[in-house]
C-alpha atoms as a PDB file:
ATOM      1  CA  UNK A   1    -128.839   9.497 -24.440  1.00  0.00           C
ATOM      2  CA  UNK A   2    -132.005   7.795 -23.202  1.00  0.00           C
ATOM      3  CA  UNK A   3    -133.798  11.103 -22.620  1.00  0.00           C
ATOM      4  CA  UNK A   4    -132.681  12.454 -25.992  1.00  0.00           C
ATOM      5  CA  UNK A   5    -134.197   9.524 -27.868  1.00  0.00           C
ATOM      6  CA  UNK A   6    -137.433   9.840 -25.897  1.00  0.00           C
ATOM      7  CA  UNK A   7    -137.762  13.528 -26.662  1.00  0.00           C
ATOM      8  CA  UNK A   8    -137.160  12.943 -30.347  1.00  0.00           C
ATOM      9  CA  UNK A   9    -140.019  10.487 -30.362  1.00  0.00           C
ATOM     10  CA  UNK A  10    -142.310  13.043 -28.802  1.00  0.00           C
ATOM     11  CA  UNK A  11    -141.584  15.848 -31.201  1.00  0.00           C
ATOM     12  CA  UNK A  12    -141.826  14.084 -34.533  1.00  0.00           C
ATOM     13  CA  UNK A  13    -144.556  12.403 -36.465  1.00  0.00           C
ATOM     14  CA  UNK A  14    -144.829   8.646 -36.323  1.00  0.00           C
ATOM     15  CA  UNK A  15    -143.567   8.214 -39.891  1.00  0.00           C
ATOM     16  CA  UNK A  16    -140.252   9.843 -39.020  1.00  0.00           C
ATOM     17  CA  UNK A  17    -139.361   7.987 -35.839  1.00  0.00           C
ATOM     18  CA  UNK A  18    -137.456   5.073 -37.371  1.00  0.00           C
ATOM     19  CA  UNK A  19    -135.479   7.418 -39.597  1.00  0.00           C
ATOM     20  CA  UNK A  20    -134.472   9.559 -36.616  1.00  0.00           C
ATOM     21  CA  UNK A  21    -132.709   6.608 -34.996  1.00  0.00           C
ATOM     22  CA  UNK A  22    -130.044   7.007 -37.685  1.00  0.00           C
ATOM     23  CA  UNK A  23    -128.934  10.495 -36.685  1.00  0.00           C
ATOM     24  CA  UNK A  24    -125.963  10.416 -39.012  1.00  0.00           C
ATOM     25  CA  UNK A  25    -128.513  10.417 -41.884  1.00  0.00           C
ATOM     26  CA  UNK A  26    -130.684  13.115 -40.380  1.00  0.00           C
ATOM     27  CA  UNK A  27    -130.302  15.368 -43.423  1.00  0.00           C
ATOM     28  CA  UNK A  28    -132.413  12.891 -45.392  1.00  0.00           C
ATOM     29  CA  UNK A  29    -135.486  13.872 -43.376  1.00  0.00           C
ATOM     30  CA  UNK A  30    -136.095  16.873 -45.639  1.00  0.00           C
ATOM     31  CA  UNK A  31    -137.465  14.456 -48.229  1.00  0.00           C
ATOM     32  CA  UNK A  32    -140.325  13.321 -45.992  1.00  0.00           C
ATOM     33  CA  UNK A  33    -143.431  15.477 -46.399  1.00  0.00           C
ATOM     34  CA  UNK A  34    -145.519  16.395 -43.369  1.00  0.00           C
ATOM     35  CA  UNK A  35    -142.767  15.727 -40.833  1.00  0.00           C
ATOM     36  CA  UNK A  36    -141.798  18.360 -38.276  1.00  0.00           C
ATOM     37  CA  UNK A  37    -138.195  17.292 -37.957  1.00  0.00           C
ATOM     38  CA  UNK A  38    -136.077  18.259 -34.998  1.00  0.00           C
ATOM     39  CA  UNK A  39    -133.140  18.943 -37.288  1.00  0.00           C
ATOM     40  CA  UNK A  40    -132.850  21.430 -40.139  1.00  0.00           C
ATOM     41  CA  UNK A  41    -135.860  20.523 -42.286  1.00  0.00           C
ATOM     42  CA  UNK A  42    -136.172  23.867 -44.070  1.00  0.00           C
ATOM     43  CA  UNK A  43    -134.118  26.834 -45.123  1.00  0.00           C
ATOM     44  CA  UNK A  44    -135.797  28.782 -42.318  1.00  0.00           C
ATOM     45  CA  UNK A  45    -134.412  26.456 -39.653  1.00  0.00           C
ATOM     46  CA  UNK A  46    -130.962  26.490 -41.258  1.00  0.00           C
ATOM     47  CA  UNK A  47    -130.679  30.194 -40.496  1.00  0.00           C
ATOM     48  CA  UNK A  48    -129.716  31.011 -36.939  1.00  0.00           C
ATOM     49  CA  UNK A  49    -132.059  33.458 -35.224  1.00  0.00           C
ATOM     50  CA  UNK A  50    -130.451  35.744 -32.692  1.00  0.00           C
ATOM     51  CA  UNK A  51    -132.729  36.312 -29.722  1.00  0.00           C
ATOM     52  CA  UNK A  52    -132.634  39.341 -27.444  1.00  0.00           C
ATOM     53  CA  UNK A  53    -134.211  38.279 -24.151  1.00  0.00           C
ATOM     54  CA  UNK A  54    -136.132  41.177 -22.538  1.00  0.00           C
ATOM     55  CA  UNK A  55    -134.638  42.754 -19.429  1.00  0.00           C
ATOM     56  CA  UNK A  56    -137.422  41.534 -17.126  1.00  0.00           C
ATOM     57  CA  UNK A  57    -136.659  37.928 -18.126  1.00  0.00           C
ATOM     58  CA  UNK A  58    -132.877  38.203 -18.324  1.00  0.00           C
ATOM     59  CA  UNK A  59    -132.195  36.808 -14.841  1.00  0.00           C
ATOM     60  CA  UNK A  60    -134.548  33.851 -15.311  1.00  0.00           C
ATOM     61  CA  UNK A  61    -133.011  32.861 -18.659  1.00  0.00           C
ATOM     62  CA  UNK A  62    -129.428  33.820 -17.800  1.00  0.00           C
ATOM     63  CA  UNK A  63    -128.201  30.206 -17.830  1.00  0.00           C
ATOM     64  CA  UNK A  64    -130.190  29.080 -20.881  1.00  0.00           C
ATOM     65  CA  UNK A  65    -128.142  28.214 -23.932  1.00  0.00           C
ATOM     66  CA  UNK A  66    -129.940  28.930 -27.190  1.00  0.00           C
ATOM     67  CA  UNK A  67    -128.816  26.631 -30.012  1.00  0.00           C
ATOM     68  CA  UNK A  68    -130.152  27.433 -33.472  1.00  0.00           C
ATOM     69  CA  UNK A  69    -133.073  25.001 -33.326  1.00  0.00           C
ATOM     70  CA  UNK A  70    -134.289  21.420 -33.536  1.00  0.00           C
ATOM     71  CA  UNK A  71    -133.228  18.788 -31.036  1.00  0.00           C
ATOM     72  CA  UNK A  72    -130.468  20.902 -29.507  1.00  0.00           C
ATOM     73  CA  UNK A  73    -132.826  23.751 -28.705  1.00  0.00           C
ATOM     74  CA  UNK A  74    -135.498  21.332 -27.478  1.00  0.00           C
ATOM     75  CA  UNK A  75    -133.052  19.765 -25.044  1.00  0.00           C
ATOM     76  CA  UNK A  76    -131.737  23.131 -23.840  1.00  0.00           C
ATOM     77  CA  UNK A  77    -135.234  24.509 -23.156  1.00  0.00           C
ATOM     78  CA  UNK A  78    -136.374  21.262 -21.525  1.00  0.00           C
ATOM     79  CA  UNK A  79    -133.400  21.026 -19.177  1.00  0.00           C
ATOM     80  CA  UNK A  80    -133.777  24.693 -18.211  1.00  0.00           C
ATOM     81  CA  UNK A  81    -137.536  24.434 -17.594  1.00  0.00           C
ATOM     82  CA  UNK A  82    -137.194  21.262 -15.533  1.00  0.00           C
ATOM     83  CA  UNK A  83    -134.311  22.684 -13.506  1.00  0.00           C
ATOM     84  CA  UNK A  84    -136.218  25.845 -12.636  1.00  0.00           C
ATOM     85  CA  UNK A  85    -139.172  23.851 -11.279  1.00  0.00           C
ATOM     86  CA  UNK A  86    -138.047  23.846  -7.653  1.00  0.00           C
ATOM     87  CA  UNK A  87    -141.279  23.964  -5.635  1.00  0.00           C
ATOM     88  CA  UNK A  88    -143.605  21.011  -6.090  1.00  0.00           C
ATOM     89  CA  UNK A  89    -147.134  21.785  -4.962  1.00  0.00           C
ATOM     90  CA  UNK A  90    -149.773  19.375  -3.764  1.00  0.00           C
ATOM     91  CA  UNK A  91    -153.060  19.439  -5.643  1.00  0.00           C
ATOM     92  CA  UNK A  92    -154.784  21.039  -2.655  1.00  0.00           C
ATOM     93  CA  UNK A  93    -152.265  23.896  -2.661  1.00  0.00           C
ATOM     94  CA  UNK A  94    -153.459  25.022  -6.100  1.00  0.00           C
ATOM     95  CA  UNK A  95    -156.159  27.088  -4.342  1.00  0.00           C
ATOM     96  CA  UNK A  96    -153.410  29.308  -2.935  1.00  0.00           C
ATOM     97  CA  UNK A  97    -152.250  30.357  -6.400  1.00  0.00           C
ATOM     98  CA  UNK A  98    -154.625  29.352  -9.198  1.00  0.00           C
ATOM     99  CA  UNK A  99    -157.204  32.076  -8.595  1.00  0.00           C
ATOM    100  CA  UNK A 100    -154.482  34.714  -8.507  1.00  0.00           C
ATOM    101  CA  UNK A 101    -153.111  33.296 -11.761  1.00  0.00           C
ATOM    102  CA  UNK A 102    -156.519  33.368 -13.442  1.00  0.00           C
ATOM    103  CA  UNK A 103    -157.699  36.631 -11.869  1.00  0.00           C
ATOM    104  CA  UNK A 104    -159.459  39.142 -14.077  1.00  0.00           C
ATOM    105  CA  UNK A 105    -156.847  41.859 -14.832  1.00  0.00           C
ATOM    106  CA  UNK A 106    -159.569  44.480 -14.329  1.00  0.00           C
ATOM    107  CA  UNK A 107    -161.052  43.028 -11.129  1.00  0.00           C
ATOM    108  CA  UNK A 108    -158.929  40.830  -8.855  1.00  0.00           C
ATOM    109  CA  UNK A 109    -162.057  39.592  -7.078  1.00  0.00           C
ATOM    110  CA  UNK A 110    -163.084  37.813 -10.275  1.00  0.00           C
ATOM    111  CA  UNK A 111    -161.495  35.022 -12.293  1.00  0.00           C
ATOM    112  CA  UNK A 112    -161.591  34.527 -16.065  1.00  0.00           C
ATOM    113  CA  UNK A 113    -162.948  31.125 -17.046  1.00  0.00           C
ATOM    114  CA  UNK A 114    -161.158  29.332 -19.850  1.00  0.00           C
ATOM    115  CA  UNK A 115    -163.104  28.438 -23.003  1.00  0.00           C
ATOM    116  CA  UNK A 116    -166.202  30.533 -22.135  1.00  0.00           C
ATOM    117  CA  UNK A 117    -164.217  33.673 -21.257  1.00  0.00           C
ATOM    118  CA  UNK A 118    -166.691  34.592 -18.506  1.00  0.00           C
ATOM    119  CA  UNK A 119    -165.690  36.521 -15.406  1.00  0.00           C
ATOM    120  CA  UNK A 120    -166.913  34.978 -12.147  1.00  0.00           C
ATOM    121  CA  UNK A 121    -166.591  35.684  -8.435  1.00  0.00           C
ATOM    122  CA  UNK A 122    -163.423  33.893  -7.376  1.00  0.00           C
ATOM    123  CA  UNK A 123    -165.226  32.433  -4.362  1.00  0.00           C
ATOM    124  CA  UNK A 124    -167.438  30.253  -6.560  1.00  0.00           C
ATOM    125  CA  UNK A 125    -165.044  27.292  -6.788  1.00  0.00           C
ATOM    126  CA  UNK A 126    -166.818  23.961  -6.467  1.00  0.00           C
ATOM    127  CA  UNK A 127    -166.009  21.896  -3.381  1.00  0.00           C
ATOM    128  CA  UNK A 128    -167.827  20.440  -0.349  1.00  0.00           C
ATOM    129  CA  UNK A 129    -165.362  22.404   1.776  1.00  0.00           C
ATOM    130  CA  UNK A 130    -166.306  25.738   0.206  1.00  0.00           C
ATOM    131  CA  UNK A 131    -168.869  27.620   2.369  1.00  0.00           C
ATOM    132  CA  UNK A 132    -169.769  30.040  -0.421  1.00  0.00           C
ATOM    133  CA  UNK A 133    -173.463  29.527  -1.404  1.00  0.00           C
ATOM    134  CA  UNK A 134    -172.804  29.749  -5.166  1.00  0.00           C
ATOM    135  CA  UNK A 135    -170.348  27.285  -6.689  1.00  0.00           C
ATOM    136  CA  UNK A 136    -170.039  27.418 -10.465  1.00  0.00           C
ATOM    137  CA  UNK A 137    -166.515  26.651 -11.625  1.00  0.00           C
ATOM    138  CA  UNK A 138    -163.825  24.059 -11.036  1.00  0.00           C
ATOM    139  CA  UNK A 139    -160.303  23.166 -12.136  1.00  0.00           C
ATOM    140  CA  UNK A 140    -159.612  22.024 -15.692  1.00  0.00           C
ATOM    141  CA  UNK A 141    -156.558  19.950 -16.566  1.00  0.00           C
ATOM    142  CA  UNK A 142    -155.972  21.130 -20.126  1.00  0.00           C
ATOM    143  CA  UNK A 143    -153.860  17.999 -20.562  1.00  0.00           C
ATOM    144  CA  UNK A 144    -156.357  15.524 -19.033  1.00  0.00           C
ATOM    145  CA  UNK A 145    -155.644  14.379 -15.502  1.00  0.00           C
ATOM    146  CA  UNK A 146    -156.475  10.780 -16.405  1.00  0.00           C
ATOM    147  CA  UNK A 147    -153.442  10.736 -18.722  1.00  0.00           C
ATOM    148  CA  UNK A 148    -150.987  12.149 -16.175  1.00  0.00           C
ATOM    149  CA  UNK A 149    -148.965  10.732 -13.318  1.00  0.00           C
ATOM    150  CA  UNK A 150    -147.023  12.129 -10.378  1.00  0.00           C
ATOM    151  CA  UNK A 151    -146.219  15.823 -10.172  1.00  0.00           C
ATOM    152  CA  UNK A 152    -147.614  16.610 -13.609  1.00  0.00           C
ATOM    153  CA  UNK A 153    -151.136  16.455 -12.137  1.00  0.00           C
ATOM    154  CA  UNK A 154    -150.362  19.344  -9.775  1.00  0.00           C
ATOM    155  CA  UNK A 155    -148.424  21.581 -12.154  1.00  0.00           C
ATOM    156  CA  UNK A 156    -150.126  24.985 -12.264  1.00  0.00           C
ATOM    157  CA  UNK A 157    -149.085  25.522 -15.874  1.00  0.00           C
ATOM    158  CA  UNK A 158    -151.645  22.919 -16.970  1.00  0.00           C
ATOM    159  CA  UNK A 159    -154.482  24.032 -14.656  1.00  0.00           C
ATOM    160  CA  UNK A 160    -157.167  26.604 -15.484  1.00  0.00           C
ATOM    161  CA  UNK A 161    -160.465  27.634 -13.930  1.00  0.00           C
ATOM    162  CA  UNK A 162    -163.448  26.682 -16.108  1.00  0.00           C
ATOM    163  CA  UNK A 163    -167.230  26.566 -15.846  1.00  0.00           C
ATOM    164  CA  UNK A 164    -168.152  23.207 -14.320  1.00  0.00           C
ATOM    165  CA  UNK A 165    -170.556  22.338 -17.129  1.00  0.00           C
ATOM    166  CA  UNK A 166    -167.999  23.193 -19.814  1.00  0.00           C
ATOM    167  CA  UNK A 167    -165.408  21.106 -17.979  1.00  0.00           C
ATOM    168  CA  UNK A 168    -167.751  18.122 -18.112  1.00  0.00           C
ATOM    169  CA  UNK A 169    -168.457  18.783 -21.778  1.00  0.00           C
ATOM    170  CA  UNK A 170    -164.801  18.777 -22.685  1.00  0.00           C
ATOM    171  CA  UNK A 171    -164.040  15.806 -20.361  1.00  0.00           C
ATOM    172  CA  UNK A 172    -160.797  14.209 -21.587  1.00  0.00           C
ATOM    173  CA  UNK A 173    -161.496  14.701 -25.298  1.00  0.00           C
ATOM    174  CA  UNK A 174    -158.558  15.605 -27.540  1.00  0.00           C
ATOM    175  CA  UNK A 175    -158.536  18.960 -29.279  1.00  0.00           C
ATOM    176  CA  UNK A 176    -159.539  19.476 -32.889  1.00  0.00           C
ATOM    177  CA  UNK A 177    -159.728  22.295 -35.419  1.00  0.00           C
ATOM    178  CA  UNK A 178    -162.794  24.521 -35.500  1.00  0.00           C
ATOM    179  CA  UNK A 179    -163.922  28.143 -35.613  1.00  0.00           C
ATOM    180  CA  UNK A 180    -165.818  30.554 -33.403  1.00  0.00           C
ATOM    181  CA  UNK A 181    -166.387  29.759 -29.748  1.00  0.00           C
ATOM    182  CA  UNK A 182    -165.766  26.571 -27.796  1.00  0.00           C
ATOM    183  CA  UNK A 183    -167.714  23.555 -29.030  1.00  0.00           C
ATOM    184  CA  UNK A 184    -167.851  19.808 -29.329  1.00  0.00           C
ATOM    185  CA  UNK A 185    -166.849  18.988 -32.879  1.00  0.00           C
ATOM    186  CA  UNK A 186    -168.192  15.456 -32.606  1.00  0.00           C
ATOM    187  CA  UNK A 187    -168.320  12.845 -29.881  1.00  0.00           C
ATOM    188  CA  UNK A 188    -164.545  12.662 -29.874  1.00  0.00           C
ATOM    189  CA  UNK A 189    -162.969  16.111 -30.270  1.00  0.00           C
ATOM    190  CA  UNK A 190    -163.251  19.516 -28.588  1.00  0.00           C
ATOM    191  CA  UNK A 191    -162.487  22.971 -29.958  1.00  0.00           C
ATOM    192  CA  UNK A 192    -161.450  25.444 -27.210  1.00  0.00           C
ATOM    193  CA  UNK A 193    -162.492  28.555 -29.123  1.00  0.00           C
ATOM    194  CA  UNK A 194    -160.501  30.936 -31.272  1.00  0.00           C
ATOM    195  CA  UNK A 195    -159.526  33.126 -28.307  1.00  0.00           C
ATOM    196  CA  UNK A 196    -158.159  30.157 -26.331  1.00  0.00           C
ATOM    197  CA  UNK A 197    -156.490  27.962 -28.940  1.00  0.00           C
ATOM    198  CA  UNK A 198    -153.087  29.621 -28.521  1.00  0.00           C
ATOM    199  CA  UNK A 199    -153.299  29.203 -24.744  1.00  0.00           C
ATOM    200  CA  UNK A 200    -154.050  25.502 -25.227  1.00  0.00           C
ATOM    201  CA  UNK A 201    -151.223  25.012 -27.704  1.00  0.00           C
ATOM    202  CA  UNK A 202    -148.609  26.604 -25.464  1.00  0.00           C
ATOM    203  CA  UNK A 203    -149.776  24.622 -22.427  1.00  0.00           C
ATOM    204  CA  UNK A 204    -149.570  21.325 -24.342  1.00  0.00           C
ATOM    205  CA  UNK A 205    -146.105  22.244 -25.639  1.00  0.00           C
ATOM    206  CA  UNK A 206    -145.049  22.935 -22.062  1.00  0.00           C
ATOM    207  CA  UNK A 207    -146.251  19.478 -21.025  1.00  0.00           C
ATOM    208  CA  UNK A 208    -144.168  17.897 -23.766  1.00  0.00           C
ATOM    209  CA  UNK A 209    -141.051  19.854 -22.799  1.00  0.00           C
ATOM    210  CA  UNK A 210    -141.515  19.419 -19.049  1.00  0.00           C
ATOM    211  CA  UNK A 211    -142.889  15.866 -18.749  1.00  0.00           C
ATOM    212  CA  UNK A 212    -142.402  14.255 -22.179  1.00  0.00           C
ATOM    213  CA  UNK A 213    -146.181  14.026 -22.554  1.00  0.00           C
ATOM    214  CA  UNK A 214    -147.050  13.134 -26.177  1.00  0.00           C
ATOM    215  CA  UNK A 215    -148.963  15.457 -28.474  1.00  0.00           C
ATOM    216  CA  UNK A 216    -150.853  12.574 -30.064  1.00  0.00           C
ATOM    217  CA  UNK A 217    -152.954  11.888 -26.953  1.00  0.00           C
ATOM    218  CA  UNK A 218    -154.534  15.343 -27.038  1.00  0.00           C
ATOM    219  CA  UNK A 219    -154.366  16.420 -30.682  1.00  0.00           C
ATOM    220  CA  UNK A 220    -151.565  16.798 -33.206  1.00  0.00           C
ATOM    221  CA  UNK A 221    -148.323  18.721 -33.196  1.00  0.00           C
ATOM    222  CA  UNK A 222    -149.275  20.356 -36.485  1.00  0.00           C
ATOM    223  CA  UNK A 223    -152.533  21.648 -34.994  1.00  0.00           C
ATOM    224  CA  UNK A 224    -150.805  23.107 -31.931  1.00  0.00           C
ATOM    225  CA  UNK A 225    -148.125  24.768 -34.068  1.00  0.00           C
ATOM    226  CA  UNK A 226    -150.875  26.414 -36.122  1.00  0.00           C
ATOM    227  CA  UNK A 227    -152.729  27.590 -33.021  1.00  0.00           C
ATOM    228  CA  UNK A 228    -149.514  28.907 -31.482  1.00  0.00           C
ATOM    229  CA  UNK A 229    -148.965  31.048 -34.575  1.00  0.00           C
ATOM    230  CA  UNK A 230    -152.494  32.397 -35.171  1.00  0.00           C
ATOM    231  CA  UNK A 231    -153.415  33.213 -31.551  1.00  0.00           C
ATOM    232  CA  UNK A 232    -150.792  35.502 -29.934  1.00  0.00           C
ATOM    233  CA  UNK A 233    -149.972  35.533 -26.229  1.00  0.00           C
ATOM    234  CA  UNK A 234    -152.573  37.374 -24.171  1.00  0.00           C
ATOM    235  CA  UNK A 235    -152.212  39.616 -21.138  1.00  0.00           C
ATOM    236  CA  UNK A 236    -153.779  36.878 -19.005  1.00  0.00           C
ATOM    237  CA  UNK A 237    -151.205  34.316 -20.170  1.00  0.00           C
ATOM    238  CA  UNK A 238    -148.362  36.691 -19.312  1.00  0.00           C
ATOM    239  CA  UNK A 239    -149.752  37.355 -15.851  1.00  0.00           C
ATOM    240  CA  UNK A 240    -150.340  33.652 -15.216  1.00  0.00           C
ATOM    241  CA  UNK A 241    -146.768  32.860 -16.184  1.00  0.00           C
ATOM    242  CA  UNK A 242    -145.368  35.266 -13.601  1.00  0.00           C
ATOM    243  CA  UNK A 243    -147.738  34.155 -10.826  1.00  0.00           C
ATOM    244  CA  UNK A 244    -146.883  30.505 -11.456  1.00  0.00           C
ATOM    245  CA  UNK A 245    -143.152  31.219 -11.514  1.00  0.00           C
ATOM    246  CA  UNK A 246    -143.556  32.752  -8.063  1.00  0.00           C
ATOM    247  CA  UNK A 247    -145.369  29.627  -6.873  1.00  0.00           C
ATOM    248  CA  UNK A 248    -143.300  26.812  -8.353  1.00  0.00           C
ATOM    249  CA  UNK A 249    -140.201  28.428  -9.809  1.00  0.00           C
ATOM    250  CA  UNK A 250    -140.495  27.836 -13.534  1.00  0.00           C
ATOM    251  CA  UNK A 251    -142.145  29.526 -16.484  1.00  0.00           C
ATOM    252  CA  UNK A 252    -143.776  28.314 -19.681  1.00  0.00           C
ATOM    253  CA  UNK A 253    -141.125  29.268 -22.256  1.00  0.00           C
ATOM    254  CA  UNK A 254    -143.611  29.233 -25.140  1.00  0.00           C
ATOM    255  CA  UNK A 255    -145.583  32.026 -23.481  1.00  0.00           C
ATOM    256  CA  UNK A 256    -142.415  34.053 -23.084  1.00  0.00           C
ATOM    257  CA  UNK A 257    -141.586  33.453 -26.739  1.00  0.00           C
ATOM    258  CA  UNK A 258    -143.903  31.439 -29.035  1.00  0.00           C
ATOM    259  CA  UNK A 259    -141.170  31.525 -31.683  1.00  0.00           C
ATOM    260  CA  UNK A 260    -139.230  28.892 -29.735  1.00  0.00           C
ATOM    261  CA  UNK A 261    -141.791  26.370 -31.001  1.00  0.00           C
ATOM    262  CA  UNK A 262    -141.068  27.387 -34.589  1.00  0.00           C
ATOM    263  CA  UNK A 263    -137.346  26.911 -34.054  1.00  0.00           C
ATOM    264  CA  UNK A 264    -137.828  23.508 -32.438  1.00  0.00           C
ATOM    265  CA  UNK A 265    -140.570  21.909 -34.529  1.00  0.00           C
ATOM    266  CA  UNK A 266    -140.979  24.058 -37.636  1.00  0.00           C
ATOM    267  CA  UNK A 267    -144.473  24.826 -38.877  1.00  0.00           C
ATOM    268  CA  UNK A 268    -145.946  28.291 -39.448  1.00  0.00           C
ATOM    269  CA  UNK A 269    -143.955  31.258 -38.212  1.00  0.00           C
ATOM    270  CA  UNK A 270    -145.042  32.209 -34.691  1.00  0.00           C
ATOM    271  CA  UNK A 271    -144.565  35.571 -33.009  1.00  0.00           C
ATOM    272  CA  UNK A 272    -140.972  36.255 -32.007  1.00  0.00           C
ATOM    273  CA  UNK A 273    -141.108  38.212 -28.755  1.00  0.00           C
ATOM    274  CA  UNK A 274    -137.314  38.172 -28.375  1.00  0.00           C
ATOM    275  CA  UNK A 275    -136.415  40.041 -31.514  1.00  0.00           C
ATOM    276  CA  UNK A 276    -132.868  41.314 -31.704  1.00  0.00           C
ATOM    277  CA  UNK A 277    -132.644  45.105 -31.736  1.00  0.00           C
END
């Protein structure tokens, strides 16, 4: 029960937390505006969605139970994702997999840099131990490293290659709403760019499911739900997910199906990639 209460705290707004302690009155939450409840807070969540998991993912998700939504679905996805994480990498080992994960689909000798979208020679990673004469990119913790502990720091699902100067510009700033390309919105917030906002949202959702990391430290749940809906999964995200599964055993479920976030937290309707035939 301890983990269940903790997860509920992570996936609701602050104004709903006290109410959620009285689970036998959970139906009253529909009267609170602006709250992404983990129970049935709308007619949409009251309707069970039947998912048809694609054949190439059937073995991975074979033991995943899929309740209709809310807390039950959150717990099922969290337990499954944690259980599948069987290989725990050191931070130094990321070099063995990260550049394959972020490789340019059209040129495996190049990597795609997050935020700027540039393609760079994969040998240009920045390190005193790198003999390559040009060093231009480094590793970005999309959920800032300074806020993480233990194995979360080394999880490939939260790591991306990024231009070193852009990495410094973003620093550990939380994300905020914007338009166009990546930019500092003010001295406090960072917009990742329209082409990367869905990637960011799904990575932050993974961190909440996998490590109970709060949304509030890096943005808002509402913002990430919006980004998850408006920016569909890219080819690079799909490839990354498979490479990382091969390295550490687990996948980001919100890349496999962004609609899981809708069923868990509500918000705008995201793409359902597991539509029943």
